[in-house]
């Protein structure tokens, strides 16, 4: 879970849930022409997304590091988060999220 200010802006939320791999290789079977990427000037922060629908997509942020936004996967993720990074930038309101009521759908 990345709490940096860049990921907060990318997601419009308190953090980004990403999967990281130094050994996986990304191969686009179709749709590569719809993928666009943006690197924030003066940083290594990169975001790839579909220019047709805006969905977040995997990207190679630095050579040898594949970053996959967890929410972009169609399959269920069997692992739980293993770390919070950039916790010094954590949103103030993120601390008490466990105390907020939960609804299975849109509340009436």
PDB file of N, CA and C in Angstrom:
ATOM      1  N   UNK A   1       0.847  -1.156   0.000  1.00  0.00           N
ATOM      2  CA  UNK A   1       0.000   0.000   0.000  1.00  0.00           C
ATOM      3  C   UNK A   1       0.900   1.228   0.000  1.00  0.00           C
ATOM      4  N   UNK A   2       0.813   2.025  -1.046  1.00  0.00           N
ATOM      5  CA  UNK A   2       1.654   3.215  -1.136  1.00  0.00           C
ATOM      6  C   UNK A   2       0.837   4.445  -0.750  1.00  0.00           C
ATOM      7  N   UNK A   3       1.339   5.178   0.220  1.00  0.00           N
ATOM      8  CA  UNK A   3       0.651   6.356   0.740  1.00  0.00           C
ATOM      9  C   UNK A   3       1.284   7.661   0.263  1.00  0.00           C
ATOM     10  N   UNK A   4       2.176   7.604  -0.721  1.00  0.00           N
ATOM     11  CA  UNK A   4       2.816   8.844  -1.183  1.00  0.00           C
ATOM     12  C   UNK A   4       1.778   9.774  -1.803  1.00  0.00           C
ATOM     13  N   UNK A   5       2.092  11.046  -1.818  1.00  0.00           N
ATOM     14  CA  UNK A   5       1.164  12.045  -2.355  1.00  0.00           C
ATOM     15  C   UNK A   5       0.860  11.803  -3.836  1.00  0.00           C
ATOM     16  N   UNK A   6       1.826  11.255  -4.576  1.00  0.00           N
ATOM     17  CA  UNK A   6       1.598  10.973  -6.000  1.00  0.00           C
ATOM     18  C   UNK A   6       0.553   9.877  -6.173  1.00  0.00           C
ATOM     19  N   UNK A   7       0.651   8.811  -5.391  1.00  0.00           N
ATOM     20  CA  UNK A   7      -0.325   7.719  -5.485  1.00  0.00           C
ATOM     21  C   UNK A   7      -1.698   8.174  -4.988  1.00  0.00           C
ATOM     22  N   UNK A   8      -1.722   9.067  -4.006  1.00  0.00           N
ATOM     23  CA  UNK A   8      -3.008   9.608  -3.563  1.00  0.00           C
ATOM     24  C   UNK A   8      -3.674  10.365  -4.707  1.00  0.00           C
ATOM     25  N   UNK A   9      -2.895  11.131  -5.457  1.00  0.00           N
ATOM     26  CA  UNK A   9      -3.447  11.867  -6.602  1.00  0.00           C
ATOM     27  C   UNK A   9      -3.864  10.905  -7.724  1.00  0.00           C
ATOM     28  N   UNK A  10      -3.032   9.873  -7.966  1.00  0.00           N
ATOM     29  CA  UNK A  10      -3.347   8.887  -9.011  1.00  0.00           C
ATOM     30  C   UNK A  10      -4.686   8.205  -8.765  1.00  0.00           C
ATOM     31  N   UNK A  11      -4.929   7.834  -7.505  1.00  0.00           N
ATOM     32  CA  UNK A  11      -6.114   7.043  -7.189  1.00  0.00           C
ATOM     33  C   UNK A  11      -7.295   7.882  -6.723  1.00  0.00           C
ATOM     34  N   UNK A  12      -7.030   9.117  -6.305  1.00  0.00           N
ATOM     35  CA  UNK A  12      -8.098   9.927  -5.724  1.00  0.00           C
ATOM     36  C   UNK A  12      -8.513   9.384  -4.370  1.00  0.00           C
ATOM     37  N   UNK A  13      -7.607   8.669  -3.716  1.00  0.00           N
ATOM     38  CA  UNK A  13      -7.910   8.024  -2.445  1.00  0.00           C
ATOM     39  C   UNK A  13      -6.736   8.185  -1.486  1.00  0.00           C
ATOM     40  N   UNK A  14      -6.761   7.410  -0.405  1.00  0.00           N
ATOM     41  CA  UNK A  14      -5.737   7.519   0.625  1.00  0.00           C
ATOM     42  C   UNK A  14      -4.440   6.818   0.257  1.00  0.00           C
ATOM     43  N   UNK A  15      -4.515   5.848  -0.647  1.00  0.00           N
ATOM     44  CA  UNK A  15      -3.327   5.081  -1.012  1.00  0.00           C
ATOM     45  C   UNK A  15      -3.566   4.332  -2.321  1.00  0.00           C
ATOM     46  N   UNK A  16      -2.523   3.756  -2.834  1.00  0.00           N
ATOM     47  CA  UNK A  16      -2.611   2.868  -3.987  1.00  0.00           C
ATOM     48  C   UNK A  16      -2.238   1.469  -3.521  1.00  0.00           C
ATOM     49  N   UNK A  17      -2.981   0.480  -3.988  1.00  0.00           N
ATOM     50  CA  UNK A  17      -2.655  -0.915  -3.696  1.00  0.00           C
ATOM     51  C   UNK A  17      -1.971  -1.474  -4.938  1.00  0.00           C
ATOM     52  N   UNK A  18      -0.676  -1.708  -4.835  1.00  0.00           N
ATOM     53  CA  UNK A  18       0.115  -2.173  -5.979  1.00  0.00           C
ATOM     54  C   UNK A  18       0.804  -3.488  -5.669  1.00  0.00           C
ATOM     55  N   UNK A  19       1.000  -4.283  -6.711  1.00  0.00           N
ATOM     56  CA  UNK A  19       1.815  -5.485  -6.635  1.00  0.00           C
ATOM     57  C   UNK A  19       3.126  -5.154  -7.321  1.00  0.00           C
ATOM     58  N   UNK A  20       4.242  -5.547  -6.720  1.00  0.00           N
ATOM     59  CA  UNK A  20       5.564  -5.254  -7.268  1.00  0.00           C
ATOM     60  C   UNK A  20       6.272  -6.553  -7.619  1.00  0.00           C
ATOM     61  N   UNK A  21       6.982  -6.553  -8.743  1.00  0.00           N
ATOM     62  CA  UNK A  21       7.783  -7.721  -9.111  1.00  0.00           C
ATOM     63  C   UNK A  21       9.061  -7.270  -9.801  1.00  0.00           C
ATOM     64  N   UNK A  22      10.157  -7.912  -9.414  1.00  0.00           N
ATOM     65  CA  UNK A  22      11.431  -7.648 -10.080  1.00  0.00           C
ATOM     66  C   UNK A  22      11.759  -8.734 -11.096  1.00  0.00           C
ATOM     67  N   UNK A  23      10.914  -9.783 -11.163  1.00  0.00           N
ATOM     68  CA  UNK A  23      11.204 -10.871 -12.099  1.00  0.00           C
ATOM     69  C   UNK A  23      10.130 -11.066 -13.164  1.00  0.00           C
ATOM     70  N   UNK A  24       8.916 -10.599 -12.933  1.00  0.00           N
ATOM     71  CA  UNK A  24       7.834 -10.778 -13.905  1.00  0.00           C
ATOM     72  C   UNK A  24       8.072  -9.918 -15.135  1.00  0.00           C
ATOM     73  N   UNK A  25       7.626 -10.404 -16.261  1.00  0.00           N
ATOM     74  CA  UNK A  25       7.723  -9.669 -17.523  1.00  0.00           C
ATOM     75  C   UNK A  25       6.315  -9.333 -18.001  1.00  0.00           C
ATOM     76  N   UNK A  26       6.119  -8.137 -18.499  1.00  0.00           N
ATOM     77  CA  UNK A  26       4.830  -7.688 -18.998  1.00  0.00           C
ATOM     78  C   UNK A  26       4.808  -7.796 -20.517  1.00  0.00           C
ATOM     79  N   UNK A  27       3.824  -8.531 -21.033  1.00  0.00           N
ATOM     80  CA  UNK A  27       3.645  -8.680 -22.480  1.00  0.00           C
ATOM     81  C   UNK A  27       2.186  -8.366 -22.790  1.00  0.00           C
ATOM     82  N   UNK A  28       1.964  -7.364 -23.621  1.00  0.00           N
ATOM     83  CA  UNK A  28       0.604  -7.025 -24.031  1.00  0.00           C
ATOM     84  C   UNK A  28       0.240  -7.919 -25.216  1.00  0.00           C
ATOM     85  N   UNK A  29      -0.787  -8.742 -25.061  1.00  0.00           N
ATOM     86  CA  UNK A  29      -1.236  -9.619 -26.156  1.00  0.00           C
ATOM     87  C   UNK A  29      -2.089  -8.842 -27.139  1.00  0.00           C
ATOM     88  N   UNK A  30      -2.907  -7.950 -26.642  1.00  0.00           N
ATOM     89  CA  UNK A  30      -3.715  -7.064 -27.485  1.00  0.00           C
ATOM     90  C   UNK A  30      -3.865  -5.740 -26.759  1.00  0.00           C
ATOM     91  N   UNK A  31      -4.232  -4.727 -27.486  1.00  0.00           N
ATOM     92  CA  UNK A  31      -4.545  -3.445 -26.880  1.00  0.00           C
ATOM     93  C   UNK A  31      -3.368  -2.571 -26.506  1.00  0.00           C
ATOM     94  N   UNK A  32      -2.161  -2.956 -26.880  1.00  0.00           N
ATOM     95  CA  UNK A  32      -0.980  -2.164 -26.503  1.00  0.00           C
ATOM     96  C   UNK A  32      -1.071  -0.733 -27.028  1.00  0.00           C
ATOM     97  N   UNK A  33      -1.755  -0.545 -28.150  1.00  0.00           N
ATOM     98  CA  UNK A  33      -1.879   0.798 -28.732  1.00  0.00           C
ATOM     99  C   UNK A  33      -2.778   1.708 -27.893  1.00  0.00           C
ATOM    100  N   UNK A  34      -3.564   1.123 -26.971  1.00  0.00           N
ATOM    101  CA  UNK A  34      -4.438   1.922 -26.110  1.00  0.00           C
ATOM    102  C   UNK A  34      -3.773   2.272 -24.782  1.00  0.00           C
ATOM    103  N   UNK A  35      -2.573   1.752 -24.552  1.00  0.00           N
ATOM    104  CA  UNK A  35      -1.864   2.014 -23.293  1.00  0.00           C
ATOM    105  C   UNK A  35      -1.052   3.291 -23.424  1.00  0.00           C
ATOM    106  N   UNK A  36      -1.209   4.161 -22.466  1.00  0.00           N
ATOM    107  CA  UNK A  36      -0.393   5.371 -22.434  1.00  0.00           C
ATOM    108  C   UNK A  36       0.196   5.512 -21.033  1.00  0.00           C
ATOM    109  N   UNK A  37       1.309   6.158 -20.934  1.00  0.00           N
ATOM    110  CA  UNK A  37       1.991   6.316 -19.655  1.00  0.00           C
ATOM    111  C   UNK A  37       2.365   7.772 -19.442  1.00  0.00           C
ATOM    112  N   UNK A  38       2.444   8.133 -18.191  1.00  0.00           N
ATOM    113  CA  UNK A  38       2.824   9.485 -17.811  1.00  0.00           C
ATOM    114  C   UNK A  38       3.817   9.391 -16.665  1.00  0.00           C
ATOM    115  N   UNK A  39       4.939  10.066 -16.800  1.00  0.00           N
ATOM    116  CA  UNK A  39       5.914  10.162 -15.713  1.00  0.00           C
ATOM    117  C   UNK A  39       5.889  11.595 -15.198  1.00  0.00           C
ATOM    118  N   UNK A  40       5.664  11.743 -13.921  1.00  0.00           N
ATOM    119  CA  UNK A  40       5.623  13.059 -13.303  1.00  0.00           C
ATOM    120  C   UNK A  40       6.994  13.708 -13.428  1.00  0.00           C
ATOM    121  N   UNK A  41       7.072  14.880 -14.054  1.00  0.00           N
ATOM    122  CA  UNK A  41       8.368  15.530 -14.259  1.00  0.00           C
ATOM    123  C   UNK A  41       9.155  15.673 -12.960  1.00  0.00           C
ATOM    124  N   UNK A  42      10.437  15.372 -13.042  1.00  0.00           N
ATOM    125  CA  UNK A  42      11.329  15.508 -11.908  1.00  0.00           C
ATOM    126  C   UNK A  42      11.251  14.362 -10.908  1.00  0.00           C
ATOM    127  N   UNK A  43      10.474  13.308 -11.248  1.00  0.00           N
ATOM    128  CA  UNK A  43      10.332  12.163 -10.348  1.00  0.00           C
ATOM    129  C   UNK A  43      10.476  10.867 -11.140  1.00  0.00           C
ATOM    130  N   UNK A  44      10.449   9.748 -10.423  1.00  0.00           N
ATOM    131  CA  UNK A  44      10.391   8.429 -11.062  1.00  0.00           C
ATOM    132  C   UNK A  44       8.962   7.906 -11.054  1.00  0.00           C
ATOM    133  N   UNK A  45       8.021   8.730 -10.575  1.00  0.00           N
ATOM    134  CA  UNK A  45       6.625   8.296 -10.454  1.00  0.00           C
ATOM    135  C   UNK A  45       5.982   8.205 -11.835  1.00  0.00           C
ATOM    136  N   UNK A  46       5.521   7.004 -12.150  1.00  0.00           N
ATOM    137  CA  UNK A  46       4.945   6.723 -13.460  1.00  0.00           C
ATOM    138  C   UNK A  46       3.569   6.107 -13.285  1.00  0.00           C
ATOM    139  N   UNK A  47       2.658   6.463 -14.176  1.00  0.00           N
ATOM    140  CA  UNK A  47       1.320   5.874 -14.172  1.00  0.00           C
ATOM    141  C   UNK A  47       0.987   5.480 -15.602  1.00  0.00           C
ATOM    142  N   UNK A  48       0.578   4.224 -15.780  1.00  0.00           N
ATOM    143  CA  UNK A  48       0.103   3.763 -17.077  1.00  0.00           C
ATOM    144  C   UNK A  48      -1.397   3.555 -16.979  1.00  0.00           C
ATOM    145  N   UNK A  49      -2.088   3.869 -18.076  1.00  0.00           N
ATOM    146  CA  UNK A  49      -3.537   3.741 -18.067  1.00  0.00           C
ATOM    147  C   UNK A  49      -4.037   3.562 -19.490  1.00  0.00           C
ATOM    148  N   UNK A  50      -5.279   3.083 -19.612  1.00  0.00           N
ATOM    149  CA  UNK A  50      -5.914   2.895 -20.912  1.00  0.00           C
ATOM    150  C   UNK A  50      -6.442   4.240 -21.384  1.00  0.00           C
ATOM    151  N   UNK A  51      -6.028   4.662 -22.568  1.00  0.00           N
ATOM    152  CA  UNK A  51      -6.487   5.963 -23.063  1.00  0.00           C
ATOM    153  C   UNK A  51      -7.920   5.909 -23.583  1.00  0.00           C
ATOM    154  N   UNK A  52      -8.531   4.714 -23.630  1.00  0.00           N
ATOM    155  CA  UNK A  52      -9.924   4.586 -24.049  1.00  0.00           C
ATOM    156  C   UNK A  52     -10.890   4.645 -22.870  1.00  0.00           C
ATOM    157  N   UNK A  53     -10.520   4.001 -21.740  1.00  0.00           N
ATOM    158  CA  UNK A  53     -11.442   3.954 -20.597  1.00  0.00           C
ATOM    159  C   UNK A  53     -10.871   4.546 -19.318  1.00  0.00           C
ATOM    160  N   UNK A  54      -9.562   4.824 -19.266  1.00  0.00           N
ATOM    161  CA  UNK A  54      -8.948   5.425 -18.097  1.00  0.00           C
ATOM    162  C   UNK A  54      -8.507   4.449 -17.018  1.00  0.00           C
ATOM    163  N   UNK A  55      -8.720   3.143 -17.229  1.00  0.00           N
ATOM    164  CA  UNK A  55      -8.329   2.155 -16.219  1.00  0.00           C
ATOM    165  C   UNK A  55      -6.829   2.168 -15.973  1.00  0.00           C
ATOM    166  N   UNK A  56      -6.443   2.031 -14.694  1.00  0.00           N
ATOM    167  CA  UNK A  56      -5.031   1.919 -14.338  1.00  0.00           C
ATOM    168  C   UNK A  56      -4.491   0.607 -14.880  1.00  0.00           C
ATOM    169  N   UNK A  57      -3.259   0.640 -15.383  1.00  0.00           N
ATOM    170  CA  UNK A  57      -2.640  -0.542 -15.984  1.00  0.00           C
ATOM    171  C   UNK A  57      -1.234  -0.756 -15.431  1.00  0.00           C
ATOM    172  N   UNK A  58      -0.732  -1.978 -15.559  1.00  0.00           N
ATOM    173  CA  UNK A  58       0.644  -2.260 -15.123  1.00  0.00           C
ATOM    174  C   UNK A  58       1.653  -1.426 -15.900  1.00  0.00           C
ATOM    175  N   UNK A  59       2.781  -1.191 -15.256  1.00  0.00           N
ATOM    176  CA  UNK A  59       3.849  -0.439 -15.918  1.00  0.00           C
ATOM    177  C   UNK A  59       5.196  -0.836 -15.345  1.00  0.00           C
ATOM    178  N   UNK A  60       6.217  -0.555 -16.115  1.00  0.00           N
ATOM    179  CA  UNK A  60       7.581  -0.727 -15.640  1.00  0.00           C
ATOM    180  C   UNK A  60       8.055   0.655 -15.225  1.00  0.00           C
ATOM    181  N   UNK A  61       8.101   0.898 -13.913  1.00  0.00           N
ATOM    182  CA  UNK A  61       8.406   2.242 -13.424  1.00  0.00           C
ATOM    183  C   UNK A  61       9.880   2.553 -13.490  1.00  0.00           C
ATOM    184  N   UNK A  62      10.678   1.625 -13.108  1.00  0.00           N
ATOM    185  CA  UNK A  62      12.120   1.761 -13.240  1.00  0.00           C
ATOM    186  C   UNK A  62      12.578   0.466 -13.888  1.00  0.00           C
ATOM    187  N   UNK A  63      13.681   0.472 -14.593  1.00  0.00           N
ATOM    188  CA  UNK A  63      14.122  -0.772 -15.220  1.00  0.00           C
ATOM    189  C   UNK A  63      14.169  -1.918 -14.215  1.00  0.00           C
ATOM    190  N   UNK A  64      13.496  -2.998 -14.556  1.00  0.00           N
ATOM    191  CA  UNK A  64      13.507  -4.168 -13.704  1.00  0.00           C
ATOM    192  C   UNK A  64      12.451  -4.197 -12.609  1.00  0.00           C
ATOM    193  N   UNK A  65      11.541  -3.217 -12.557  1.00  0.00           N
ATOM    194  CA  UNK A  65      10.488  -3.216 -11.541  1.00  0.00           C
ATOM    195  C   UNK A  65       9.129  -3.066 -12.218  1.00  0.00           C
ATOM    196  N   UNK A  66       8.350  -4.146 -12.184  1.00  0.00           N
ATOM    197  CA  UNK A  66       6.994  -4.118 -12.719  1.00  0.00           C
ATOM    198  C   UNK A  66       6.043  -3.752 -11.590  1.00  0.00           C
ATOM    199  N   UNK A  67       5.179  -2.771 -11.830  1.00  0.00           N
ATOM    200  CA  UNK A  67       4.189  -2.337 -10.850  1.00  0.00           C
ATOM    201  C   UNK A  67       2.809  -2.600 -11.437  1.00  0.00           C
ATOM    202  N   UNK A  68       2.012  -3.384 -10.702  1.00  0.00           N
ATOM    203  CA  UNK A  68       0.672  -3.748 -11.161  1.00  0.00           C
ATOM    204  C   UNK A  68      -0.351  -3.201 -10.164  1.00  0.00           C
ATOM    205  N   UNK A  69      -1.207  -2.266 -10.596  1.00  0.00           N
ATOM    206  CA  UNK A  69      -2.274  -1.808  -9.708  1.00  0.00           C
ATOM    207  C   UNK A  69      -3.196  -2.994  -9.397  1.00  0.00           C
ATOM    208  N   UNK A  70      -3.355  -3.317  -8.129  1.00  0.00           N
ATOM    209  CA  UNK A  70      -4.120  -4.501  -7.744  1.00  0.00           C
ATOM    210  C   UNK A  70      -5.553  -4.472  -8.279  1.00  0.00           C
ATOM    211  N   UNK A  71      -6.151  -3.310  -8.347  1.00  0.00           N
ATOM    212  CA  UNK A  71      -7.534  -3.199  -8.794  1.00  0.00           C
ATOM    213  C   UNK A  71      -7.736  -3.430 -10.272  1.00  0.00           C
ATOM    214  N   UNK A  72      -6.665  -3.502 -11.049  1.00  0.00           N
ATOM    215  CA  UNK A  72      -6.827  -3.704 -12.492  1.00  0.00           C
ATOM    216  C   UNK A  72      -6.947  -5.182 -12.867  1.00  0.00           C
ATOM    217  N   UNK A  73      -6.687  -6.068 -11.908  1.00  0.00           N
ATOM    218  CA  UNK A  73      -6.714  -7.493 -12.208  1.00  0.00           C
ATOM    219  C   UNK A  73      -8.134  -8.040 -12.193  1.00  0.00           C
ATOM    220  N   UNK A  74      -8.439  -8.920 -13.140  1.00  0.00           N
ATOM    221  CA  UNK A  74      -9.746  -9.572 -13.177  1.00  0.00           C
ATOM    222  C   UNK A  74      -9.800 -10.766 -12.233  1.00  0.00           C
ATOM    223  N   UNK A  75      -8.646 -11.348 -11.938  1.00  0.00           N
ATOM    224  CA  UNK A  75      -8.603 -12.507 -11.052  1.00  0.00           C
ATOM    225  C   UNK A  75      -8.495 -12.058  -9.601  1.00  0.00           C
ATOM    226  N   UNK A  76      -8.917 -12.939  -8.708  1.00  0.00           N
ATOM    227  CA  UNK A  76      -8.831 -12.636  -7.283  1.00  0.00           C
ATOM    228  C   UNK A  76      -7.373 -12.696  -6.835  1.00  0.00           C
ATOM    229  N   UNK A  77      -6.996 -11.815  -5.946  1.00  0.00           N
ATOM    230  CA  UNK A  77      -5.634 -11.781  -5.427  1.00  0.00           C
ATOM    231  C   UNK A  77      -5.615 -12.577  -4.128  1.00  0.00           C
ATOM    232  N   UNK A  78      -4.770 -13.585  -4.065  1.00  0.00           N
ATOM    233  CA  UNK A  78      -4.751 -14.475  -2.907  1.00  0.00           C
ATOM    234  C   UNK A  78      -3.861 -13.977  -1.767  1.00  0.00           C
ATOM    235  N   UNK A  79      -3.062 -12.965  -2.024  1.00  0.00           N
ATOM    236  CA  UNK A  79      -2.158 -12.479  -0.978  1.00  0.00           C
ATOM    237  C   UNK A  79      -2.690 -11.202  -0.336  1.00  0.00           C
ATOM    238  N   UNK A  80      -2.317 -11.010   0.911  1.00  0.00           N
ATOM    239  CA  UNK A  80      -2.676  -9.792   1.635  1.00  0.00           C
ATOM    240  C   UNK A  80      -1.528  -8.795   1.489  1.00  0.00           C
ATOM    241  N   UNK A  81      -1.795  -7.507   1.697  1.00  0.00           N
ATOM    242  CA  UNK A  81      -0.702  -6.536   1.646  1.00  0.00           C
ATOM    243  C   UNK A  81       0.420  -6.924   2.603  1.00  0.00           C
ATOM    244  N   UNK A  82       1.653  -6.660   2.180  1.00  0.00           N
ATOM    245  CA  UNK A  82       2.809  -7.013   3.001  1.00  0.00           C
ATOM    246  C   UNK A  82       3.506  -5.796   3.597  1.00  0.00           C
ATOM    247  N   UNK A  83       3.146  -4.590   3.135  1.00  0.00           N
ATOM    248  CA  UNK A  83       3.798  -3.392   3.675  1.00  0.00           C
ATOM    249  C   UNK A  83       3.016  -2.138   3.315  1.00  0.00           C
ATOM    250  N   UNK A  84       3.196  -1.124   4.136  1.00  0.00           N
ATOM    251  CA  UNK A  84       2.745   0.241   3.831  1.00  0.00           C
ATOM    252  C   UNK A  84       4.023   1.016   3.540  1.00  0.00           C
ATOM    253  N   UNK A  85       4.070   1.712   2.408  1.00  0.00           N
ATOM    254  CA  UNK A  85       5.238   2.532   2.098  1.00  0.00           C
ATOM    255  C   UNK A  85       4.826   3.999   2.041  1.00  0.00           C
ATOM    256  N   UNK A  86       5.779   4.862   2.285  1.00  0.00           N
ATOM    257  CA  UNK A  86       5.559   6.312   2.362  1.00  0.00           C
ATOM    258  C   UNK A  86       4.478   6.634   3.396  1.00  0.00           C
ATOM    259  N   UNK A  87       4.519   5.928   4.532  1.00  0.00           N
ATOM    260  CA  UNK A  87       3.511   6.133   5.576  1.00  0.00           C
ATOM    261  C   UNK A  87       3.586   7.532   6.192  1.00  0.00           C
ATOM    262  N   UNK A  88       4.697   8.223   6.001  1.00  0.00           N
ATOM    263  CA  UNK A  88       4.791   9.592   6.523  1.00  0.00           C
ATOM    264  C   UNK A  88       3.857  10.538   5.767  1.00  0.00           C
ATOM    265  N   UNK A  89       3.402  10.118   4.585  1.00  0.00           N
ATOM    266  CA  UNK A  89       2.462  10.925   3.795  1.00  0.00           C
ATOM    267  C   UNK A  89       1.026  10.453   3.950  1.00  0.00           C
ATOM    268  N   UNK A  90       0.796   9.535   4.861  1.00  0.00           N
ATOM    269  CA  UNK A  90      -0.529   8.939   5.038  1.00  0.00           C
ATOM    270  C   UNK A  90      -1.583  10.016   5.278  1.00  0.00           C
ATOM    271  N   UNK A  91      -2.735   9.866   4.625  1.00  0.00           N
ATOM    272  CA  UNK A  91      -3.842  10.806   4.811  1.00  0.00           C
ATOM    273  C   UNK A  91      -4.311  10.755   6.260  1.00  0.00           C
ATOM    274  N   UNK A  92      -4.589  11.903   6.836  1.00  0.00           N
ATOM    275  CA  UNK A  92      -4.999  11.995   8.230  1.00  0.00           C
ATOM    276  C   UNK A  92      -6.238  11.140   8.482  1.00  0.00           C
ATOM    277  N   UNK A  93      -7.173  11.141   7.542  1.00  0.00           N
ATOM    278  CA  UNK A  93      -8.425  10.417   7.737  1.00  0.00           C
ATOM    279  C   UNK A  93      -8.281   8.910   7.529  1.00  0.00           C
ATOM    280  N   UNK A  94      -7.120   8.453   7.093  1.00  0.00           N
ATOM    281  CA  UNK A  94      -6.888   7.027   6.867  1.00  0.00           C
ATOM    282  C   UNK A  94      -6.751   6.250   8.173  1.00  0.00           C
ATOM    283  N   UNK A  95      -6.385   6.916   9.245  1.00  0.00           N
ATOM    284  CA  UNK A  95      -6.116   6.255  10.521  1.00  0.00           C
ATOM    285  C   UNK A  95      -7.328   5.542  11.104  1.00  0.00           C
ATOM    286  N   UNK A  96      -8.514   6.086  10.961  1.00  0.00           N
ATOM    287  CA  UNK A  96      -9.703   5.540  11.626  1.00  0.00           C
ATOM    288  C   UNK A  96     -10.634   4.799  10.668  1.00  0.00           C
ATOM    289  N   UNK A  97     -10.149   4.332   9.534  1.00  0.00           N
ATOM    290  CA  UNK A  97     -11.025   3.685   8.554  1.00  0.00           C
ATOM    291  C   UNK A  97     -11.663   2.409   9.086  1.00  0.00           C
ATOM    292  N   UNK A  98     -11.006   1.712   9.989  1.00  0.00           N
ATOM    293  CA  UNK A  98     -11.572   0.494  10.557  1.00  0.00           C
ATOM    294  C   UNK A  98     -12.816   0.741  11.387  1.00  0.00           C
ATOM    295  N   UNK A  99     -13.009   1.976  11.825  1.00  0.00           N
ATOM    296  CA  UNK A  99     -14.161   2.333  12.650  1.00  0.00           C
ATOM    297  C   UNK A  99     -15.357   2.821  11.832  1.00  0.00           C
ATOM    298  N   UNK A 100     -15.198   2.984  10.530  1.00  0.00           N
ATOM    299  CA  UNK A 100     -16.251   3.502   9.663  1.00  0.00           C
ATOM    300  C   UNK A 100     -17.222   2.368   9.327  1.00  0.00           C
ATOM    301  N   UNK A 101     -18.547   2.627   9.354  1.00  0.00           N
ATOM    302  CA  UNK A 101     -19.508   1.575   9.008  1.00  0.00           C
ATOM    303  C   UNK A 101     -19.241   1.017   7.609  1.00  0.00           C
ATOM    304  N   UNK A 102     -19.511  -0.281   7.424  1.00  0.00           N
ATOM    305  CA  UNK A 102     -19.325  -0.943   6.138  1.00  0.00           C
ATOM    306  C   UNK A 102     -20.672  -1.398   5.592  1.00  0.00           C
ATOM    307  N   UNK A 103     -20.873  -1.231   4.291  1.00  0.00           N
ATOM    308  CA  UNK A 103     -22.096  -1.639   3.620  1.00  0.00           C
ATOM    309  C   UNK A 103     -21.705  -2.541   2.450  1.00  0.00           C
ATOM    310  N   UNK A 104     -22.489  -3.576   2.173  1.00  0.00           N
ATOM    311  CA  UNK A 104     -22.195  -4.485   1.068  1.00  0.00           C
ATOM    312  C   UNK A 104     -22.501  -3.846  -0.285  1.00  0.00           C
ATOM    313  N   UNK A 105     -23.286  -2.830  -0.305  1.00  0.00           N
ATOM    314  CA  UNK A 105     -23.634  -2.114  -1.530  1.00  0.00           C
ATOM    315  C   UNK A 105     -23.829  -0.655  -1.197  1.00  0.00           C
ATOM    316  N   UNK A 106     -24.442   0.094  -2.089  1.00  0.00           N
ATOM    317  CA  UNK A 106     -24.737   1.507  -1.861  1.00  0.00           C
ATOM    318  C   UNK A 106     -25.778   1.619  -0.745  1.00  0.00           C
ATOM    319  N   UNK A 107     -25.477   2.358   0.332  1.00  0.00           N
ATOM    320  CA  UNK A 107     -26.452   2.463   1.419  1.00  0.00           C
ATOM    321  C   UNK A 107     -27.725   3.176   0.972  1.00  0.00           C
ATOM    322  N   UNK A 108     -28.834   2.755   1.530  1.00  0.00           N
ATOM    323  CA  UNK A 108     -30.138   3.339   1.162  1.00  0.00           C
ATOM    324  C   UNK A 108     -30.338   4.681   1.818  1.00  0.00           C
TER     325      UNK A 108
END
